Amino acid sequence: MRQPWYVPAAAAALLGASAAYGPGTAPTVGGTGGVSPAPGVSRQDRAWLQHVHEADLAEVEIGEMAAKKGTGPTVSAAGTMLATDHDRFDIAVVRTARSLGVDLPTAATPKDAATRDRLADETGSTFDHDFTAMMIIDHEKIINDTRAEIGQGSSPQVTGLARQALPMLTKHRITLQKAALAG
């Protein structure tokens, strides 16, 4: 399993826990050790890279969990899809961040770990419901953030990565909605 793990604040609230941290509040990796990012990389570009990286890390781990714990084939399949797609996409996120000198978070907060542990302790339809509900909320948020990056980002590399992410994220949201309805 990959570490660290991240749960967006809206998803954590859904599960009854408060968790989230903004860029710069957790240890980082991938940048240039405090050297300024490349020219043309805006605060929005950096924030999107950091947020999508956090989401990728969380969705790989949660997806792997759902692939194993999902009670129905749609939840298990959705989990496998999330883990596979976000793992692959995160390679491009890390590569882009490194090339632009953008630091990426590497550690989750204790609240994130507590939320993960709570989900790990759930079984059956409770797990299926919470998994799909949390991931739908997360995907809606990251889709909105990705659209904003596409429209307002300044780095061609980052906006191009956002354009690449949007169809994948939309496909995930639709698949998760179908899994929620099937459960």
C-alpha atoms as a PDB file:
ATOM      1  CA  MET A   1       0.000   0.000   0.000  1.00  0.00           C
ATOM      2  CA  ARG A   2       1.184   3.534  -0.713  1.00  0.00           C
ATOM      3  CA  GLN A   3       1.507   6.122   1.995  1.00  0.00           C
ATOM      4  CA  PRO A   4       0.555   8.846   2.941  1.00  0.00           C
ATOM      5  CA  TRP A   5      -3.163   9.006   2.974  1.00  0.00           C
ATOM      6  CA  TYR A   6      -5.419  12.041   2.578  1.00  0.00           C
ATOM      7  CA  VAL A   7      -9.140  12.654   2.985  1.00  0.00           C
ATOM      8  CA  PRO A   8     -10.690  15.923   1.815  1.00  0.00           C
ATOM      9  CA  ALA A   9     -12.499  17.931   4.473  1.00  0.00           C
ATOM     10  CA  ALA A  10     -15.942  17.412   2.881  1.00  0.00           C
ATOM     11  CA  ALA A  11     -15.491  13.651   2.764  1.00  0.00           C
ATOM     12  CA  ALA A  12     -14.156  13.556   6.309  1.00  0.00           C
ATOM     13  CA  ALA A  13     -17.155  15.548   7.490  1.00  0.00           C
ATOM     14  CA  LEU A  14     -19.439  13.055   5.783  1.00  0.00           C
ATOM     15  CA  LEU A  15     -17.807  10.303   7.810  1.00  0.00           C
ATOM     16  CA  GLY A  16     -17.939  12.316  11.023  1.00  0.00           C
ATOM     17  CA  ALA A  17     -14.334  13.400  11.255  1.00  0.00           C
ATOM     18  CA  SER A  18     -12.644  16.670  10.541  1.00  0.00           C
ATOM     19  CA  ALA A  19      -9.601  16.297   8.353  1.00  0.00           C
ATOM     20  CA  ALA A  20      -7.733  18.287   5.810  1.00  0.00           C
ATOM     21  CA  TYR A  21      -4.621  20.307   5.514  1.00  0.00           C
ATOM     22  CA  GLY A  22      -3.666  22.890   3.040  1.00  0.00           C
ATOM     23  CA  PRO A  23      -0.555  23.087   0.970  1.00  0.00           C
ATOM     24  CA  GLY A  24       2.508  23.842   3.030  1.00  0.00           C
ATOM     25  CA  THR A  25       1.212  22.445   6.321  1.00  0.00           C
ATOM     26  CA  ALA A  26       2.588  18.954   5.868  1.00  0.00           C
ATOM     27  CA  PRO A  27       6.060  17.674   5.032  1.00  0.00           C
ATOM     28  CA  THR A  28       6.817  17.926   1.342  1.00  0.00           C
ATOM     29  CA  VAL A  29       8.665  16.133  -1.427  1.00  0.00           C
ATOM     30  CA  GLY A  30       9.318  16.632  -5.093  1.00  0.00           C
ATOM     31  CA  GLY A  31      10.408  20.226  -5.222  1.00  0.00           C
ATOM     32  CA  THR A  32      13.675  21.994  -5.022  1.00  0.00           C
ATOM     33  CA  GLY A  33      14.123  22.352  -1.276  1.00  0.00           C
ATOM     34  CA  GLY A  34      12.858  25.886  -0.923  1.00  0.00           C
ATOM     35  CA  VAL A  35      13.986  27.245  -4.291  1.00  0.00           C
ATOM     36  CA  SER A  36      11.291  29.234  -6.036  1.00  0.00           C
ATOM     37  CA  PRO A  37       9.140  27.389  -8.575  1.00  0.00           C
ATOM     38  CA  ALA A  38       9.831  27.854 -12.270  1.00  0.00           C
ATOM     39  CA  PRO A  39       8.646  31.110 -13.873  1.00  0.00           C
ATOM     40  CA  GLY A  40       5.040  30.986 -15.009  1.00  0.00           C
ATOM     41  CA  VAL A  41       3.941  28.670 -12.206  1.00  0.00           C
ATOM     42  CA  SER A  42       1.244  30.494 -10.283  1.00  0.00           C
ATOM     43  CA  ARG A  43       0.003  29.915  -6.759  1.00  0.00           C
ATOM     44  CA  GLN A  44      -3.058  28.266  -8.322  1.00  0.00           C
ATOM     45  CA  ASP A  45      -0.872  25.902 -10.376  1.00  0.00           C
ATOM     46  CA  ARG A  46       1.068  24.888  -7.256  1.00  0.00           C
ATOM     47  CA  ALA A  47      -2.105  24.438  -5.204  1.00  0.00           C
ATOM     48  CA  TRP A  48      -3.724  22.277  -7.891  1.00  0.00           C
ATOM     49  CA  LEU A  49      -0.655  20.036  -8.170  1.00  0.00           C
ATOM     50  CA  GLN A  50      -0.540  19.655  -4.399  1.00  0.00           C
ATOM     51  CA  HIS A  51      -4.259  18.954  -4.068  1.00  0.00           C
ATOM     52  CA  VAL A  52      -4.414  16.463  -6.933  1.00  0.00           C
ATOM     53  CA  HIS A  53      -1.363  14.670  -5.514  1.00  0.00           C
ATOM     54  CA  GLU A  54      -3.038  14.381  -2.113  1.00  0.00           C
ATOM     55  CA  ALA A  55      -6.200  13.089  -3.786  1.00  0.00           C
ATOM     56  CA  ASP A  56      -4.219  10.567  -5.830  1.00  0.00           C
ATOM     57  CA  LEU A  57      -2.503   9.205  -2.728  1.00  0.00           C
ATOM     58  CA  ALA A  58      -5.799   8.828  -0.880  1.00  0.00           C
ATOM     59  CA  GLU A  59      -7.680   7.297  -3.777  1.00  0.00           C
ATOM     60  CA  VAL A  60      -5.008   4.694  -4.437  1.00  0.00           C
ATOM     61  CA  GLU A  61      -5.200   3.499  -0.855  1.00  0.00           C
ATOM     62  CA  ILE A  62      -8.987   3.759  -0.561  1.00  0.00           C
ATOM     63  CA  GLY A  63      -9.401   2.131  -3.960  1.00  0.00           C
ATOM     64  CA  GLU A  64      -7.257  -0.814  -2.905  1.00  0.00           C
ATOM     65  CA  MET A  65      -9.344  -1.112   0.245  1.00  0.00           C
ATOM     66  CA  ALA A  66     -12.604  -1.044  -1.734  1.00  0.00           C
ATOM     67  CA  ALA A  67     -11.305  -3.623  -4.206  1.00  0.00           C
ATOM     68  CA  LYS A  68     -10.838  -6.008  -1.271  1.00  0.00           C
ATOM     69  CA  LYS A  69     -13.752  -5.021   0.998  1.00  0.00           C
ATOM     70  CA  GLY A  70     -16.493  -4.053  -1.435  1.00  0.00           C
ATOM     71  CA  THR A  71     -19.510  -6.315  -1.064  1.00  0.00           C
ATOM     72  CA  GLY A  72     -20.725  -5.925  -4.621  1.00  0.00           C
ATOM     73  CA  PRO A  73     -18.882  -6.209  -7.905  1.00  0.00           C
ATOM     74  CA  THR A  74     -19.523  -2.545  -8.770  1.00  0.00           C
ATOM     75  CA  VAL A  75     -17.829  -1.294  -5.584  1.00  0.00           C
ATOM     76  CA  SER A  76     -14.886  -3.665  -5.998  1.00  0.00           C
ATOM     77  CA  ALA A  77     -14.483  -2.704  -9.654  1.00  0.00           C
ATOM     78  CA  ALA A  78     -14.705   1.010  -8.811  1.00  0.00           C
ATOM     79  CA  GLY A  79     -12.014   0.541  -6.169  1.00  0.00           C
ATOM     80  CA  THR A  80      -9.707  -1.225  -8.594  1.00  0.00           C
ATOM     81  CA  MET A  81     -10.256   1.495 -11.198  1.00  0.00           C
ATOM     82  CA  LEU A  82      -9.493   4.276  -8.690  1.00  0.00           C
ATOM     83  CA  ALA A  83      -6.329   2.597  -7.422  1.00  0.00           C
ATOM     84  CA  THR A  84      -4.998   1.871 -10.902  1.00  0.00           C
ATOM     85  CA  ASP A  85      -5.875   5.185 -12.563  1.00  0.00           C
ATOM     86  CA  HIS A  86      -4.773   7.440  -9.707  1.00  0.00           C
ATOM     87  CA  ASP A  87      -1.519   5.531  -9.243  1.00  0.00           C
ATOM     88  CA  ARG A  88      -0.674   5.993 -12.930  1.00  0.00           C
ATOM     89  CA  PHE A  89      -1.775   9.626 -13.006  1.00  0.00           C
ATOM     90  CA  ASP A  90       0.199  10.510  -9.884  1.00  0.00           C
ATOM     91  CA  ILE A  91       3.414   9.555 -11.673  1.00  0.00           C
ATOM     92  CA  ALA A  92       2.735  12.395 -14.127  1.00  0.00           C
ATOM     93  CA  VAL A  93       1.809  14.766 -11.284  1.00  0.00           C
ATOM     94  CA  VAL A  94       5.059  14.079  -9.416  1.00  0.00           C
ATOM     95  CA  ARG A  95       7.123  14.357 -12.598  1.00  0.00           C
ATOM     96  CA  THR A  96       5.495  17.681 -13.498  1.00  0.00           C
ATOM     97  CA  ALA A  97       5.863  19.079  -9.986  1.00  0.00           C
ATOM     98  CA  ARG A  98       9.543  18.142  -9.869  1.00  0.00           C
ATOM     99  CA  SER A  99      10.226  19.689 -13.265  1.00  0.00           C
ATOM    100  CA  LEU A 100       8.586  22.923 -12.124  1.00  0.00           C
ATOM    101  CA  GLY A 101      10.145  23.007  -8.640  1.00  0.00           C
ATOM    102  CA  VAL A 102       6.823  22.521  -6.824  1.00  0.00           C
ATOM    103  CA  ASP A 103       6.955  20.754  -3.458  1.00  0.00           C
ATOM    104  CA  LEU A 104       4.313  18.072  -2.823  1.00  0.00           C
ATOM    105  CA  PRO A 105       2.959  16.906   0.556  1.00  0.00           C
ATOM    106  CA  THR A 106       4.168  13.527   1.812  1.00  0.00           C
ATOM    107  CA  ALA A 107       2.358  12.971   5.096  1.00  0.00           C
ATOM    108  CA  ALA A 108      -1.211  12.855   6.285  1.00  0.00           C
ATOM    109  CA  THR A 109      -2.503  14.487   9.418  1.00  0.00           C
ATOM    110  CA  PRO A 110      -3.493  12.361  12.436  1.00  0.00           C
ATOM    111  CA  LYS A 111      -7.123  13.187  11.617  1.00  0.00           C
ATOM    112  CA  ASP A 112      -6.672  11.760   8.112  1.00  0.00           C
ATOM    113  CA  ALA A 113      -5.306   8.549   9.602  1.00  0.00           C
ATOM    114  CA  ALA A 114      -8.227   8.346  12.032  1.00  0.00           C
ATOM    115  CA  THR A 115     -10.706   8.673   9.167  1.00  0.00           C
ATOM    116  CA  ARG A 116      -8.867   5.997   7.209  1.00  0.00           C
ATOM    117  CA  ASP A 117      -8.911   3.722  10.248  1.00  0.00           C
ATOM    118  CA  ARG A 118     -12.638   4.269  10.669  1.00  0.00           C
ATOM    119  CA  LEU A 119     -13.284   3.297   7.048  1.00  0.00           C
ATOM    120  CA  ALA A 120     -10.933   0.325   7.428  1.00  0.00           C
ATOM    121  CA  ASP A 121     -13.044  -0.903  10.354  1.00  0.00           C
ATOM    122  CA  GLU A 122     -16.309  -0.749   8.389  1.00  0.00           C
ATOM    123  CA  THR A 123     -17.749  -3.736   6.567  1.00  0.00           C
ATOM    124  CA  GLY A 124     -20.598  -4.687   4.287  1.00  0.00           C
ATOM    125  CA  SER A 125     -23.100  -2.143   3.069  1.00  0.00           C
ATOM    126  CA  THR A 126     -21.839   0.483   5.541  1.00  0.00           C
ATOM    127  CA  PHE A 127     -18.407   0.342   3.933  1.00  0.00           C
ATOM    128  CA  ASP A 128     -19.878   0.380   0.414  1.00  0.00           C
ATOM    129  CA  HIS A 129     -22.067   3.393   1.226  1.00  0.00           C
ATOM    130  CA  ASP A 130     -19.346   5.409   2.933  1.00  0.00           C
ATOM    131  CA  PHE A 131     -16.768   4.568   0.269  1.00  0.00           C
ATOM    132  CA  THR A 132     -18.974   5.633  -2.638  1.00  0.00           C
ATOM    133  CA  ALA A 133     -20.345   8.720  -0.860  1.00  0.00           C
ATOM    134  CA  MET A 134     -16.891   9.924   0.127  1.00  0.00           C
ATOM    135  CA  MET A 135     -15.363   9.309  -3.279  1.00  0.00           C
ATOM    136  CA  ILE A 136     -18.253  11.012  -5.118  1.00  0.00           C
ATOM    137  CA  ILE A 137     -17.793  14.130  -2.985  1.00  0.00           C
ATOM    138  CA  ASP A 138     -14.035  14.019  -3.486  1.00  0.00           C
ATOM    139  CA  HIS A 139     -14.370  13.654  -7.244  1.00  0.00           C
ATOM    140  CA  GLU A 140     -16.879  16.511  -7.497  1.00  0.00           C
ATOM    141  CA  LYS A 141     -14.451  18.773  -5.636  1.00  0.00           C
ATOM    142  CA  ILE A 142     -11.402  17.802  -7.672  1.00  0.00           C
ATOM    143  CA  ILE A 143     -13.375  18.090 -10.939  1.00  0.00           C
ATOM    144  CA  ASN A 144     -14.321  21.665  -9.997  1.00  0.00           C
ATOM    145  CA  ASP A 145     -10.723  22.444  -9.016  1.00  0.00           C
ATOM    146  CA  THR A 146      -9.475  20.905 -12.270  1.00  0.00           C
ATOM    147  CA  ARG A 147     -11.875  22.984 -14.357  1.00  0.00           C
ATOM    148  CA  ALA A 148     -10.647  26.088 -12.530  1.00  0.00           C
ATOM    149  CA  GLU A 149      -7.040  25.117 -13.242  1.00  0.00           C
ATOM    150  CA  ILE A 150      -7.817  24.602 -16.925  1.00  0.00           C
ATOM    151  CA  GLY A 151      -9.490  28.014 -17.147  1.00  0.00           C
ATOM    152  CA  GLN A 152      -7.243  30.049 -14.876  1.00  0.00           C
ATOM    153  CA  GLY A 153      -3.900  28.272 -14.562  1.00  0.00           C
ATOM    154  CA  SER A 154      -0.791  29.939 -15.921  1.00  0.00           C
ATOM    155  CA  SER A 155       1.594  27.039 -16.538  1.00  0.00           C
ATOM    156  CA  PRO A 156       1.014  25.223 -19.826  1.00  0.00           C
ATOM    157  CA  GLN A 157       2.408  22.022 -18.258  1.00  0.00           C
ATOM    158  CA  VAL A 158      -0.002  22.148 -15.326  1.00  0.00           C
ATOM    159  CA  THR A 159      -3.064  23.149 -17.349  1.00  0.00           C
ATOM    160  CA  GLY A 160      -2.228  20.394 -19.834  1.00  0.00           C
ATOM    161  CA  LEU A 161      -2.086  17.885 -16.996  1.00  0.00           C
ATOM    162  CA  ALA A 162      -5.435  19.183 -15.749  1.00  0.00           C
ATOM    163  CA  ARG A 163      -6.931  18.700 -19.225  1.00  0.00           C
ATOM    164  CA  GLN A 164      -5.619  15.144 -19.185  1.00  0.00           C
ATOM    165  CA  ALA A 165      -7.151  14.519 -15.726  1.00  0.00           C
ATOM    166  CA  LEU A 166     -10.658  15.831 -16.393  1.00  0.00           C
ATOM    167  CA  PRO A 167     -12.023  12.919 -18.496  1.00  0.00           C
ATOM    168  CA  MET A 168     -10.585  10.386 -16.027  1.00  0.00           C
ATOM    169  CA  LEU A 169     -12.103  12.166 -13.034  1.00  0.00           C
ATOM    170  CA  THR A 170     -15.471  12.463 -14.761  1.00  0.00           C
ATOM    171  CA  LYS A 171     -15.427   8.749 -15.617  1.00  0.00           C
ATOM    172  CA  HIS A 172     -14.634   7.961 -11.970  1.00  0.00           C
ATOM    173  CA  ARG A 173     -17.512  10.079 -10.680  1.00  0.00           C
ATOM    174  CA  ILE A 174     -19.986   8.392 -13.042  1.00  0.00           C
ATOM    175  CA  THR A 175     -18.704   4.933 -12.096  1.00  0.00           C
ATOM    176  CA  LEU A 176     -18.974   5.760  -8.380  1.00  0.00           C
ATOM    177  CA  GLN A 177     -22.516   7.083  -8.829  1.00  0.00           C
ATOM    178  CA  LYS A 178     -23.494   3.841 -10.553  1.00  0.00           C
ATOM    179  CA  ALA A 179     -21.863   1.808  -7.765  1.00  0.00           C
ATOM    180  CA  ALA A 180     -23.766   3.833  -5.153  1.00  0.00           C
ATOM    181  CA  LEU A 181     -27.061   3.165  -6.930  1.00  0.00           C
ATOM    182  CA  ALA A 182     -26.282  -0.554  -7.259  1.00  0.00           C
ATOM    183  CA  GLY A 183     -25.569  -0.838  -3.521  1.00  0.00           C
END
